Amino acid sequence: MALSRPAITVAMSVYNGAAFLAPAIESVLAQTFGDFEFLVLDDGSNDDSRAIAEGYAARDSRLHVISRANRGLVASLNQLFNEARAPIVARFDADDLCRPERLARQYAFLMAQPDHGLV
């Protein structure tokens, strides 16, 4: 059985971001808009970033951890964009926090403004 395609892919690359990662992940998982997949790419961190992300992934099936040797942000983003299943990608950094309505508001705007491709 194929997985249904989510409306949004949240794409996060992290490298040694353990100090900020838990609140960042929690702010995404607390979104009022729930139709998303959350890809977290650990870019060869040597801190607890991968373990933190995997802990959240074990509790929420929307979160998927990708782990690999360090290749840098550009390579990480390219991989995340290639693996995204949704037609809309929301970029998110490992030290960011978002308000609970972020995805809902951005999705509604994009649906109402089909001539826009970036928010």
PDB file of N, CA and C in Angstrom:
ATOM      1  N   MET A   1       0.845  -1.180   0.000  1.00  0.00           N
ATOM      2  CA  MET A   1       0.000   0.000   0.000  1.00  0.00           C
ATOM      3  C   MET A   1       0.886   1.238   0.000  1.00  0.00           C
ATOM      4  N   ALA A   2       0.705   2.130  -0.948  1.00  0.00           N
ATOM      5  CA  ALA A   2       1.512   3.343  -1.054  1.00  0.00           C
ATOM      6  C   ALA A   2       1.060   4.371  -0.016  1.00  0.00           C
ATOM      7  N   LEU A   3       2.035   5.110   0.496  1.00  0.00           N
ATOM      8  CA  LEU A   3       1.716   6.186   1.422  1.00  0.00           C
ATOM      9  C   LEU A   3       1.067   7.326   0.656  1.00  0.00           C
ATOM     10  N   SER A   4       0.082   7.962   1.265  1.00  0.00           N
ATOM     11  CA  SER A   4      -0.514   9.125   0.612  1.00  0.00           C
ATOM     12  C   SER A   4       0.491  10.275   0.643  1.00  0.00           C
ATOM     13  N   ARG A   5       0.392  11.110  -0.351  1.00  0.00           N
ATOM     14  CA  ARG A   5       1.325  12.225  -0.471  1.00  0.00           C
ATOM     15  C   ARG A   5       0.874  13.363   0.446  1.00  0.00           C
ATOM     16  N   PRO A   6       1.762  13.857   1.309  1.00  0.00           N
ATOM     17  CA  PRO A   6       1.392  14.962   2.194  1.00  0.00           C
ATOM     18  C   PRO A   6       1.295  16.272   1.409  1.00  0.00           C
ATOM     19  N   ALA A   7       0.613  17.245   1.983  1.00  0.00           N
ATOM     20  CA  ALA A   7       0.479  18.556   1.352  1.00  0.00           C
ATOM     21  C   ALA A   7       1.782  19.355   1.421  1.00  0.00           C
ATOM     22  N   ILE A   8       2.532  19.164   2.511  1.00  0.00           N
ATOM     23  CA  ILE A   8       3.764  19.931   2.745  1.00  0.00           C
ATOM     24  C   ILE A   8       4.853  18.988   3.247  1.00  0.00           C
ATOM     25  N   THR A   9       6.072  19.236   2.784  1.00  0.00           N
ATOM     26  CA  THR A   9       7.252  18.614   3.374  1.00  0.00           C
ATOM     27  C   THR A   9       7.999  19.696   4.129  1.00  0.00           C
ATOM     28  N   VAL A  10       8.241  19.474   5.409  1.00  0.00           N
ATOM     29  CA  VAL A  10       9.091  20.362   6.193  1.00  0.00           C
ATOM     30  C   VAL A  10      10.495  19.772   6.114  1.00  0.00           C
ATOM     31  N   ALA A  11      11.452  20.567   5.630  1.00  0.00           N
ATOM     32  CA  ALA A  11      12.816  20.090   5.383  1.00  0.00           C
ATOM     33  C   ALA A  11      13.799  20.791   6.306  1.00  0.00           C
ATOM     34  N   MET A  12      14.460  19.999   7.146  1.00  0.00           N
ATOM     35  CA  MET A  12      15.435  20.539   8.095  1.00  0.00           C
ATOM     36  C   MET A  12      16.747  19.791   7.984  1.00  0.00           C
ATOM     37  N   SER A  13      17.833  20.537   7.830  1.00  0.00           N
ATOM     38  CA  SER A  13      19.169  19.972   7.932  1.00  0.00           C
ATOM     39  C   SER A  13      19.732  20.379   9.285  1.00  0.00           C
ATOM     40  N   VAL A  14      20.417  19.454   9.937  1.00  0.00           N
ATOM     41  CA  VAL A  14      21.022  19.773  11.230  1.00  0.00           C
ATOM     42  C   VAL A  14      22.445  19.257  11.264  1.00  0.00           C
ATOM     43  N   TYR A  15      23.333  20.101  11.772  1.00  0.00           N
ATOM     44  CA  TYR A  15      24.713  19.705  12.025  1.00  0.00           C
ATOM     45  C   TYR A  15      25.088  20.251  13.397  1.00  0.00           C
ATOM     46  N   ASN A  16      25.277  19.346  14.347  1.00  0.00           N
ATOM     47  CA  ASN A  16      25.625  19.711  15.718  1.00  0.00           C
ATOM     48  C   ASN A  16      24.681  20.764  16.295  1.00  0.00           C
ATOM     49  N   GLY A  17      23.398  20.497  16.157  1.00  0.00           N
ATOM     50  CA  GLY A  17      22.385  21.429  16.647  1.00  0.00           C
ATOM     51  C   GLY A  17      21.654  20.956  17.884  1.00  0.00           C
ATOM     52  N   ALA A  18      22.226  20.050  18.636  1.00  0.00           N
ATOM     53  CA  ALA A  18      21.532  19.446  19.775  1.00  0.00           C
ATOM     54  C   ALA A  18      21.017  20.479  20.773  1.00  0.00           C
ATOM     55  N   ALA A  19      21.722  21.568  20.956  1.00  0.00           N
ATOM     56  CA  ALA A  19      21.332  22.569  21.955  1.00  0.00           C
ATOM     57  C   ALA A  19      19.990  23.222  21.622  1.00  0.00           C
ATOM     58  N   PHE A  20      19.616  23.255  20.348  1.00  0.00           N
ATOM     59  CA  PHE A  20      18.397  23.943  19.919  1.00  0.00           C
ATOM     60  C   PHE A  20      17.362  23.012  19.300  1.00  0.00           C
ATOM     61  N   LEU A  21      17.728  21.786  19.050  1.00  0.00           N
ATOM     62  CA  LEU A  21      16.924  20.910  18.203  1.00  0.00           C
ATOM     63  C   LEU A  21      15.570  20.523  18.790  1.00  0.00           C
ATOM     64  N   ALA A  22      15.500  20.169  20.049  1.00  0.00           N
ATOM     65  CA  ALA A  22      14.224  19.715  20.631  1.00  0.00           C
ATOM     66  C   ALA A  22      13.138  20.783  20.523  1.00  0.00           C
ATOM     67  N   PRO A  23      13.374  22.026  20.934  1.00  0.00           N
ATOM     68  CA  PRO A  23      12.319  23.034  20.783  1.00  0.00           C
ATOM     69  C   PRO A  23      11.953  23.292  19.324  1.00  0.00           C
ATOM     70  N   ALA A  24      12.915  23.217  18.424  1.00  0.00           N
ATOM     71  CA  ALA A  24      12.636  23.412  17.001  1.00  0.00           C
ATOM     72  C   ALA A  24      11.706  22.315  16.496  1.00  0.00           C
ATOM     73  N   ILE A  25      12.029  21.072  16.785  1.00  0.00           N
ATOM     74  CA  ILE A  25      11.200  19.944  16.355  1.00  0.00           C
ATOM     75  C   ILE A  25       9.806  20.051  16.970  1.00  0.00           C
ATOM     76  N   GLU A  26       9.736  20.363  18.257  1.00  0.00           N
ATOM     77  CA  GLU A  26       8.439  20.469  18.929  1.00  0.00           C
ATOM     78  C   GLU A  26       7.568  21.545  18.296  1.00  0.00           C
ATOM     79  N   SER A  27       8.175  22.657  17.857  1.00  0.00           N
ATOM     80  CA  SER A  27       7.377  23.719  17.245  1.00  0.00           C
ATOM     81  C   SER A  27       6.795  23.285  15.904  1.00  0.00           C
ATOM     82  N   VAL A  28       7.470  22.397  15.199  1.00  0.00           N
ATOM     83  CA  VAL A  28       6.918  21.873  13.939  1.00  0.00           C
ATOM     84  C   VAL A  28       5.824  20.851  14.240  1.00  0.00           C
ATOM     85  N   LEU A  29       6.073  19.957  15.153  1.00  0.00           N
ATOM     86  CA  LEU A  29       5.090  18.921  15.464  1.00  0.00           C
ATOM     87  C   LEU A  29       3.817  19.484  16.094  1.00  0.00           C
ATOM     88  N   ALA A  30       3.873  20.709  16.611  1.00  0.00           N
ATOM     89  CA  ALA A  30       2.711  21.347  17.249  1.00  0.00           C
ATOM     90  C   ALA A  30       1.885  22.183  16.270  1.00  0.00           C
ATOM     91  N   GLN A  31       2.142  22.049  14.982  1.00  0.00           N
ATOM     92  CA  GLN A  31       1.421  22.834  13.989  1.00  0.00           C
ATOM     93  C   GLN A  31      -0.074  22.504  13.979  1.00  0.00           C
ATOM     94  N   THR A  32      -0.901  23.530  13.747  1.00  0.00           N
ATOM     95  CA  THR A  32      -2.341  23.315  13.622  1.00  0.00           C
ATOM     96  C   THR A  32      -2.678  22.635  12.297  1.00  0.00           C
ATOM     97  N   PHE A  33      -1.806  22.755  11.308  1.00  0.00           N
ATOM     98  CA  PHE A  33      -1.932  22.090  10.017  1.00  0.00           C
ATOM     99  C   PHE A  33      -1.142  20.789  10.116  1.00  0.00           C
ATOM    100  N   GLY A  34      -1.813  19.667  10.038  1.00  0.00           N
ATOM    101  CA  GLY A  34      -1.146  18.395  10.303  1.00  0.00           C
ATOM    102  C   GLY A  34      -0.746  17.570   9.100  1.00  0.00           C
ATOM    103  N   ASP A  35      -1.116  18.002   7.888  1.00  0.00           N
ATOM    104  CA  ASP A  35      -0.856  17.203   6.690  1.00  0.00           C
ATOM    105  C   ASP A  35       0.541  17.493   6.140  1.00  0.00           C
ATOM    106  N   PHE A  36       1.544  17.030   6.866  1.00  0.00           N
ATOM    107  CA  PHE A  36       2.925  17.245   6.442  1.00  0.00           C
ATOM    108  C   PHE A  36       3.787  16.051   6.799  1.00  0.00           C
ATOM    109  N   GLU A  37       4.887  15.950   6.069  1.00  0.00           N
ATOM    110  CA  GLU A  37       5.966  15.052   6.478  1.00  0.00           C
ATOM    111  C   GLU A  37       7.093  15.963   6.929  1.00  0.00           C
ATOM    112  N   PHE A  38       7.891  15.501   7.871  1.00  0.00           N
ATOM    113  CA  PHE A  38       8.968  16.297   8.445  1.00  0.00           C
ATOM    114  C   PHE A  38      10.256  15.510   8.247  1.00  0.00           C
ATOM    115  N   LEU A  39      11.086  15.969   7.313  1.00  0.00           N
ATOM    116  CA  LEU A  39      12.359  15.314   7.039  1.00  0.00           C
ATOM    117  C   LEU A  39      13.465  16.049   7.785  1.00  0.00           C
ATOM    118  N   VAL A  40      14.165  15.326   8.646  1.00  0.00           N
ATOM    119  CA  VAL A  40      15.288  15.886   9.382  1.00  0.00           C
ATOM    120  C   VAL A  40      16.540  15.150   8.917  1.00  0.00           C
ATOM    121  N   LEU A  41      17.435  15.881   8.272  1.00  0.00           N
ATOM    122  CA  LEU A  41      18.674  15.293   7.778  1.00  0.00           C
ATOM    123  C   LEU A  41      19.802  15.641   8.739  1.00  0.00           C
ATOM    124  N   ASP A  42      20.343  14.614   9.406  1.00  0.00           N
ATOM    125  CA  ASP A  42      21.510  14.815  10.266  1.00  0.00           C
ATOM    126  C   ASP A  42      22.747  14.705   9.393  1.00  0.00           C
ATOM    127  N   ASP A  43      23.438  15.825   9.252  1.00  0.00           N
ATOM    128  CA  ASP A  43      24.585  15.928   8.348  1.00  0.00           C
ATOM    129  C   ASP A  43      25.898  15.616   9.070  1.00  0.00           C
ATOM    130  N   GLY A  44      25.962  14.409   9.636  1.00  0.00           N
ATOM    131  CA  GLY A  44      27.191  13.954  10.274  1.00  0.00           C
ATOM    132  C   GLY A  44      27.507  14.611  11.605  1.00  0.00           C
ATOM    133  N   SER A  45      26.495  14.957  12.356  1.00  0.00           N
ATOM    134  CA  SER A  45      26.709  15.593  13.659  1.00  0.00           C
ATOM    135  C   SER A  45      27.525  14.694  14.572  1.00  0.00           C
ATOM    136  N   ASN A  46      28.310  15.314  15.434  1.00  0.00           N
ATOM    137  CA  ASN A  46      29.040  14.544  16.446  1.00  0.00           C
ATOM    138  C   ASN A  46      28.560  14.903  17.849  1.00  0.00           C
ATOM    139  N   ASP A  47      27.355  15.449  17.924  1.00  0.00           N
ATOM    140  CA  ASP A  47      26.701  15.666  19.206  1.00  0.00           C
ATOM    141  C   ASP A  47      25.463  14.761  19.261  1.00  0.00           C
ATOM    142  N   ASP A  48      24.471  15.099  20.049  1.00  0.00           N
ATOM    143  CA  ASP A  48      23.285  14.249  20.207  1.00  0.00           C
ATOM    144  C   ASP A  48      22.164  14.554  19.211  1.00  0.00           C
ATOM    145  N   SER A  49      22.449  15.309  18.165  1.00  0.00           N
ATOM    146  CA  SER A  49      21.394  15.706  17.222  1.00  0.00           C
ATOM    147  C   SER A  49      20.632  14.505  16.662  1.00  0.00           C
ATOM    148  N   ARG A  50      21.343  13.526  16.188  1.00  0.00           N
ATOM    149  CA  ARG A  50      20.685  12.361  15.589  1.00  0.00           C
ATOM    150  C   ARG A  50      19.808  11.638  16.604  1.00  0.00           C
ATOM    151  N   ALA A  51      20.307  11.427  17.800  1.00  0.00           N
ATOM    152  CA  ALA A  51      19.532  10.727  18.833  1.00  0.00           C
ATOM    153  C   ALA A  51      18.280  11.513  19.209  1.00  0.00           C
ATOM    154  N   ILE A  52      18.392  12.826  19.282  1.00  0.00           N
ATOM    155  CA  ILE A  52      17.231  13.657  19.603  1.00  0.00           C
ATOM    156  C   ILE A  52      16.180  13.507  18.509  1.00  0.00           C
ATOM    157  N   ALA A  53      16.597  13.651  17.250  1.00  0.00           N
ATOM    158  CA  ALA A  53      15.657  13.530  16.128  1.00  0.00           C
ATOM    159  C   ALA A  53      15.029  12.142  16.091  1.00  0.00           C
ATOM    160  N   GLU A  54      15.819  11.105  16.287  1.00  0.00           N
ATOM    161  CA  GLU A  54      15.286   9.742  16.269  1.00  0.00           C
ATOM    162  C   GLU A  54      14.293   9.507  17.400  1.00  0.00           C
ATOM    163  N   GLY A  55      14.522  10.141  18.545  1.00  0.00           N
ATOM    164  CA  GLY A  55      13.577  10.027  19.659  1.00  0.00           C
ATOM    165  C   GLY A  55      12.209  10.583  19.291  1.00  0.00           C
ATOM    166  N   TYR A  56      12.200  11.725  18.625  1.00  0.00           N
ATOM    167  CA  TYR A  56      10.927  12.311  18.171  1.00  0.00           C
ATOM    168  C   TYR A  56      10.309  11.464  17.057  1.00  0.00           C
ATOM    169  N   ALA A  57      11.126  10.948  16.160  1.00  0.00           N
ATOM    170  CA  ALA A  57      10.620  10.115  15.061  1.00  0.00           C
ATOM    171  C   ALA A  57       9.947   8.853  15.595  1.00  0.00           C
ATOM    172  N   ALA A  58      10.443   8.326  16.701  1.00  0.00           N
ATOM    173  CA  ALA A  58       9.852   7.130  17.293  1.00  0.00           C
ATOM    174  C   ALA A  58       8.453   7.404  17.834  1.00  0.00           C
ATOM    175  N   ARG A  59       8.158   8.676  18.125  1.00  0.00           N
ATOM    176  CA  ARG A  59       6.861   9.046  18.697  1.00  0.00           C
ATOM    177  C   ARG A  59       5.903   9.679  17.690  1.00  0.00           C
ATOM    178  N   ASP A  60       6.411  10.099  16.545  1.00  0.00           N
ATOM    179  CA  ASP A  60       5.557  10.774  15.568  1.00  0.00           C
ATOM    180  C   ASP A  60       5.937  10.299  14.170  1.00  0.00           C
ATOM    181  N   SER A  61       5.018   9.609  13.523  1.00  0.00           N
ATOM    182  CA  SER A  61       5.314   8.992  12.223  1.00  0.00           C
ATOM    183  C   SER A  61       5.496   9.998  11.097  1.00  0.00           C
ATOM    184  N   ARG A  62       5.171  11.258  11.319  1.00  0.00           N
ATOM    185  CA  ARG A  62       5.399  12.272  10.284  1.00  0.00           C
ATOM    186  C   ARG A  62       6.871  12.646  10.168  1.00  0.00           C
ATOM    187  N   LEU A  63       7.650  12.384  11.220  1.00  0.00           N
ATOM    188  CA  LEU A  63       9.061  12.760  11.239  1.00  0.00           C
ATOM    189  C   LEU A  63       9.925  11.596  10.761  1.00  0.00           C
ATOM    190  N   HIS A  64      10.793  11.869   9.806  1.00  0.00           N
ATOM    191  CA  HIS A  64      11.701  10.866   9.247  1.00  0.00           C
ATOM    192  C   HIS A  64      13.122  11.405   9.335  1.00  0.00           C
ATOM    193  N   VAL A  65      14.016  10.607   9.884  1.00  0.00           N
ATOM    194  CA  VAL A  65      15.408  11.016  10.045  1.00  0.00           C
ATOM    195  C   VAL A  65      16.246  10.400   8.928  1.00  0.00           C
ATOM    196  N   ILE A  66      17.038  11.245   8.313  1.00  0.00           N
ATOM    197  CA  ILE A  66      18.014  10.815   7.312  1.00  0.00           C
ATOM    198  C   ILE A  66      19.372  11.117   7.921  1.00  0.00           C
ATOM    199  N   SER A  67      20.259  10.155   7.916  1.00  0.00           N
ATOM    200  CA  SER A  67      21.571  10.355   8.528  1.00  0.00           C
ATOM    201  C   SER A  67      22.655   9.998   7.533  1.00  0.00           C
ATOM    202  N   ARG A  68      23.687  10.834   7.511  1.00  0.00           N
ATOM    203  CA  ARG A  68      24.795  10.564   6.593  1.00  0.00           C
ATOM    204  C   ARG A  68      26.029  11.309   7.064  1.00  0.00           C
ATOM    205  N   ALA A  69      27.162  11.045   6.425  1.00  0.00           N
ATOM    206  CA  ALA A  69      28.407  11.758   6.723  1.00  0.00           C
ATOM    207  C   ALA A  69      28.255  13.225   6.311  1.00  0.00           C
ATOM    208  N   ASN A  70      28.998  14.083   6.961  1.00  0.00           N
ATOM    209  CA  ASN A  70      28.922  15.521   6.716  1.00  0.00           C
ATOM    210  C   ASN A  70      29.302  15.877   5.291  1.00  0.00           C
ATOM    211  N   ARG A  71      28.367  16.606   4.626  1.00  0.00           N
ATOM    212  CA  ARG A  71      28.620  17.083   3.262  1.00  0.00           C
ATOM    213  C   ARG A  71      28.277  18.551   3.105  1.00  0.00           C
ATOM    214  N   GLY A  72      27.729  19.166   4.148  1.00  0.00           N
ATOM    215  CA  GLY A  72      27.430  20.592   4.104  1.00  0.00           C
ATOM    216  C   GLY A  72      25.971  20.886   3.810  1.00  0.00           C
ATOM    217  N   LEU A  73      25.603  22.158   4.023  1.00  0.00           N
ATOM    218  CA  LEU A  73      24.206  22.574   3.918  1.00  0.00           C
ATOM    219  C   LEU A  73      23.651  22.461   2.509  1.00  0.00           C
ATOM    220  N   VAL A  74      24.385  22.890   1.507  1.00  0.00           N
ATOM    221  CA  VAL A  74      23.864  22.853   0.139  1.00  0.00           C
ATOM    222  C   VAL A  74      23.551  21.413  -0.275  1.00  0.00           C
ATOM    223  N   ALA A  75      24.466  20.504  -0.026  1.00  0.00           N
ATOM    224  CA  ALA A  75      24.223  19.095  -0.360  1.00  0.00           C
ATOM    225  C   ALA A  75      23.045  18.548   0.448  1.00  0.00           C
ATOM    226  N   SER A  76      22.942  18.960   1.707  1.00  0.00           N
ATOM    227  CA  SER A  76      21.833  18.507   2.548  1.00  0.00           C
ATOM    228  C   SER A  76      20.496  18.982   2.002  1.00  0.00           C
ATOM    229  N   LEU A  77      20.425  20.251   1.637  1.00  0.00           N
ATOM    230  CA  LEU A  77      19.171  20.783   1.105  1.00  0.00           C
ATOM    231  C   LEU A  77      18.807  20.118  -0.216  1.00  0.00           C
ATOM    232  N   ASN A  78      19.782  19.906  -1.067  1.00  0.00           N
ATOM    233  CA  ASN A  78      19.496  19.211  -2.324  1.00  0.00           C
ATOM    234  C   ASN A  78      18.937  17.822  -2.069  1.00  0.00           C
ATOM    235  N   GLN A  79      19.502  17.102  -1.120  1.00  0.00           N
ATOM    236  CA  GLN A  79      18.992  15.770  -0.805  1.00  0.00           C
ATOM    237  C   GLN A  79      17.579  15.847  -0.235  1.00  0.00           C
ATOM    238  N   LEU A  80      17.339  16.801   0.653  1.00  0.00           N
ATOM    239  CA  LEU A  80      16.002  16.955   1.231  1.00  0.00           C
ATOM    240  C   LEU A  80      14.968  17.277   0.150  1.00  0.00           C
ATOM    241  N   PHE A  81      15.308  18.172  -0.773  1.00  0.00           N
ATOM    242  CA  PHE A  81      14.371  18.516  -1.846  1.00  0.00           C
ATOM    243  C   PHE A  81      14.112  17.302  -2.746  1.00  0.00           C
ATOM    244  N   ASN A  82      15.132  16.495  -2.985  1.00  0.00           N
ATOM    245  CA  ASN A  82      14.960  15.293  -3.796  1.00  0.00           C
ATOM    246  C   ASN A  82      14.092  14.245  -3.109  1.00  0.00           C
ATOM    247  N   GLU A  83      14.130  14.184  -1.799  1.00  0.00           N
ATOM    248  CA  GLU A  83      13.376  13.176  -1.051  1.00  0.00           C
ATOM    249  C   GLU A  83      11.983  13.645  -0.645  1.00  0.00           C
ATOM    250  N   ALA A  84      11.702  14.924  -0.785  1.00  0.00           N
ATOM    251  CA  ALA A  84      10.394  15.465  -0.407  1.00  0.00           C
ATOM    252  C   ALA A  84       9.297  14.843  -1.269  1.00  0.00           C
ATOM    253  N   ARG A  85       8.223  14.428  -0.636  1.00  0.00           N
ATOM    254  CA  ARG A  85       7.096  13.836  -1.363  1.00  0.00           C
ATOM    255  C   ARG A  85       6.006  14.864  -1.657  1.00  0.00           C
ATOM    256  N   ALA A  86       6.003  15.977  -0.960  1.00  0.00           N
ATOM    257  CA  ALA A  86       4.939  16.974  -1.107  1.00  0.00           C
ATOM    258  C   ALA A  86       5.266  17.978  -2.209  1.00  0.00           C
ATOM    259  N   PRO A  87       4.232  18.596  -2.773  1.00  0.00           N
ATOM    260  CA  PRO A  87       4.466  19.612  -3.795  1.00  0.00           C
ATOM    261  C   PRO A  87       4.960  20.942  -3.225  1.00  0.00           C
ATOM    262  N   ILE A  88       4.818  21.123  -1.919  1.00  0.00           N
ATOM    263  CA  ILE A  88       5.270  22.341  -1.249  1.00  0.00           C
ATOM    264  C   ILE A  88       6.310  21.949  -0.207  1.00  0.00           C
ATOM    265  N   VAL A  89       7.434  22.673  -0.195  1.00  0.00           N
ATOM    266  CA  VAL A  89       8.489  22.417   0.784  1.00  0.00           C
ATOM    267  C   VAL A  89       8.640  23.640   1.675  1.00  0.00           C
ATOM    268  N   ALA A  90       8.596  23.415   2.973  1.00  0.00           N
ATOM    269  CA  ALA A  90       8.814  24.471   3.960  1.00  0.00           C
ATOM    270  C   ALA A  90      10.204  24.272   4.555  1.00  0.00           C
ATOM    271  N   ARG A  91      11.088  25.219   4.299  1.00  0.00           N
ATOM    272  CA  ARG A  91      12.443  25.151   4.849  1.00  0.00           C
ATOM    273  C   ARG A  91      12.418  25.545   6.314  1.00  0.00           C
ATOM    274  N   PHE A  92      13.245  24.856   7.074  1.00  0.00           N
ATOM    275  CA  PHE A  92      13.279  25.089   8.511  1.00  0.00           C
ATOM    276  C   PHE A  92      14.675  24.776   9.002  1.00  0.00           C
ATOM    277  N   ASP A  93      15.245  25.662   9.802  1.00  0.00           N
ATOM    278  CA  ASP A  93      16.578  25.436  10.360  1.00  0.00           C
ATOM    279  C   ASP A  93      16.457  24.830  11.752  1.00  0.00           C
ATOM    280  N   ALA A  94      17.512  24.151  12.167  1.00  0.00           N
ATOM    281  CA  ALA A  94      17.510  23.421  13.432  1.00  0.00           C
ATOM    282  C   ALA A  94      17.449  24.329  14.654  1.00  0.00           C
ATOM    283  N   ASP A  95      17.693  25.618  14.478  1.00  0.00           N
ATOM    284  CA  ASP A  95      17.608  26.549  15.602  1.00  0.00           C
ATOM    285  C   ASP A  95      16.424  27.507  15.457  1.00  0.00           C
ATOM    286  N   ASP A  96      15.480  27.181  14.557  1.00  0.00           N
ATOM    287  CA  ASP A  96      14.281  27.998  14.358  1.00  0.00           C
ATOM    288  C   ASP A  96      13.147  27.526  15.258  1.00  0.00           C
ATOM    289  N   LEU A  97      12.222  28.425  15.500  1.00  0.00           N
ATOM    290  CA  LEU A  97      10.957  28.095  16.146  1.00  0.00           C
ATOM    291  C   LEU A  97       9.860  28.667  15.264  1.00  0.00           C
ATOM    292  N   CYS A  98       8.755  27.954  15.156  1.00  0.00           N
ATOM    293  CA  CYS A  98       7.653  28.517  14.381  1.00  0.00           C
ATOM    294  C   CYS A  98       6.390  28.523  15.221  1.00  0.00           C
ATOM    295  N   ARG A  99       5.564  29.522  14.946  1.00  0.00           N
ATOM    296  CA  ARG A  99       4.273  29.623  15.619  1.00  0.00           C
ATOM    297  C   ARG A  99       3.379  28.485  15.140  1.00  0.00           C
ATOM    298  N   PRO A 100       2.432  28.080  15.964  1.00  0.00           N
ATOM    299  CA  PRO A 100       1.594  26.921  15.618  1.00  0.00           C
ATOM    300  C   PRO A 100       0.821  27.059  14.310  1.00  0.00           C
ATOM    301  N   GLU A 101       0.557  28.283  13.857  1.00  0.00           N
ATOM    302  CA  GLU A 101      -0.220  28.482  12.638  1.00  0.00           C
ATOM    303  C   GLU A 101       0.645  28.659  11.405  1.00  0.00           C
ATOM    304  N   ARG A 102       1.952  28.563  11.514  1.00  0.00           N
ATOM    305  CA  ARG A 102       2.822  28.866  10.378  1.00  0.00           C
ATOM    306  C   ARG A 102       2.417  28.105   9.116  1.00  0.00           C
ATOM    307  N   LEU A 103       2.391  26.790   9.184  1.00  0.00           N
ATOM    308  CA  LEU A 103       2.109  26.000   7.989  1.00  0.00           C
ATOM    309  C   LEU A 103       0.693  26.252   7.476  1.00  0.00           C
ATOM    310  N   ALA A 104      -0.266  26.377   8.360  1.00  0.00           N
ATOM    311  CA  ALA A 104      -1.652  26.622   7.939  1.00  0.00           C
ATOM    312  C   ALA A 104      -1.759  27.939   7.192  1.00  0.00           C
ATOM    313  N   ARG A 105      -1.128  28.970   7.702  1.00  0.00           N
ATOM    314  CA  ARG A 105      -1.213  30.289   7.067  1.00  0.00           C
ATOM    315  C   ARG A 105      -0.481  30.303   5.729  1.00  0.00           C
ATOM    316  N   GLN A 106       0.688  29.700   5.675  1.00  0.00           N
ATOM    317  CA  GLN A 106       1.440  29.691   4.425  1.00  0.00           C
ATOM    318  C   GLN A 106       0.730  28.841   3.368  1.00  0.00           C
ATOM    319  N   TYR A 107       0.186  27.706   3.768  1.00  0.00           N
ATOM    320  CA  TYR A 107      -0.535  26.851   2.829  1.00  0.00           C
ATOM    321  C   TYR A 107      -1.771  27.577   2.288  1.00  0.00           C
ATOM    322  N   ALA A 108      -2.543  28.193   3.177  1.00  0.00           N
ATOM    323  CA  ALA A 108      -3.742  28.918   2.746  1.00  0.00           C
ATOM    324  C   ALA A 108      -3.371  30.039   1.774  1.00  0.00           C
ATOM    325  N   PHE A 109      -2.301  30.750   2.061  1.00  0.00           N
ATOM    326  CA  PHE A 109      -1.872  31.826   1.166  1.00  0.00           C
ATOM    327  C   PHE A 109      -1.511  31.274  -0.212  1.00  0.00           C
ATOM    328  N   LEU A 110      -0.723  30.216  -0.241  1.00  0.00           N
ATOM    329  CA  LEU A 110      -0.314  29.641  -1.516  1.00  0.00           C
ATOM    330  C   LEU A 110      -1.500  29.088  -2.312  1.00  0.00           C
ATOM    331  N   MET A 111      -2.471  28.504  -1.640  1.00  0.00           N
ATOM    332  CA  MET A 111      -3.639  27.988  -2.338  1.00  0.00           C
ATOM    333  C   MET A 111      -4.495  29.135  -2.903  1.00  0.00           C
ATOM    334  N   ALA A 112      -4.543  30.256  -2.179  1.00  0.00           N
ATOM    335  CA  ALA A 112      -5.342  31.394  -2.620  1.00  0.00           C
ATOM    336  C   ALA A 112      -4.614  32.246  -3.672  1.00  0.00           C
ATOM    337  N   GLN A 113      -3.309  32.088  -3.766  1.00  0.00           N
ATOM    338  CA  GLN A 113      -2.479  32.875  -4.691  1.00  0.00           C
ATOM    339  C   GLN A 113      -1.666  31.942  -5.589  1.00  0.00           C
ATOM    340  N   PRO A 114      -2.290  31.286  -6.542  1.00  0.00           N
ATOM    341  CA  PRO A 114      -1.566  30.296  -7.351  1.00  0.00           C
ATOM    342  C   PRO A 114      -0.432  30.879  -8.183  1.00  0.00           C
ATOM    343  N   ASP A 115      -0.380  32.195  -8.326  1.00  0.00           N
ATOM    344  CA  ASP A 115       0.712  32.820  -9.068  1.00  0.00           C
ATOM    345  C   ASP A 115       1.954  33.001  -8.209  1.00  0.00           C
ATOM    346  N   HIS A 116       1.863  32.697  -6.915  1.00  0.00           N
ATOM    347  CA  HIS A 116       3.012  32.787  -6.007  1.00  0.00           C
ATOM    348  C   HIS A 116       3.646  31.415  -5.842  1.00  0.00           C
ATOM    349  N   GLY A 117       4.956  31.382  -5.775  1.00  0.00           N
ATOM    350  CA  GLY A 117       5.659  30.128  -5.595  1.00  0.00           C
ATOM    351  C   GLY A 117       6.547  30.106  -4.371  1.00  0.00           C
ATOM    352  N   LEU A 118       6.597  31.222  -3.657  1.00  0.00           N
ATOM    353  CA  LEU A 118       7.500  31.327  -2.502  1.00  0.00           C
ATOM    354  C   LEU A 118       6.870  32.238  -1.473  1.00  0.00           C
ATOM    355  N   VAL A 119       6.917  31.800  -0.221  1.00  0.00           N
ATOM    356  CA  VAL A 119       6.389  32.606   0.872  1.00  0.00           C
ATOM    357  C   VAL A 119       7.527  32.846   1.844  1.00  0.00           C
TER     358      VAL A 119
END
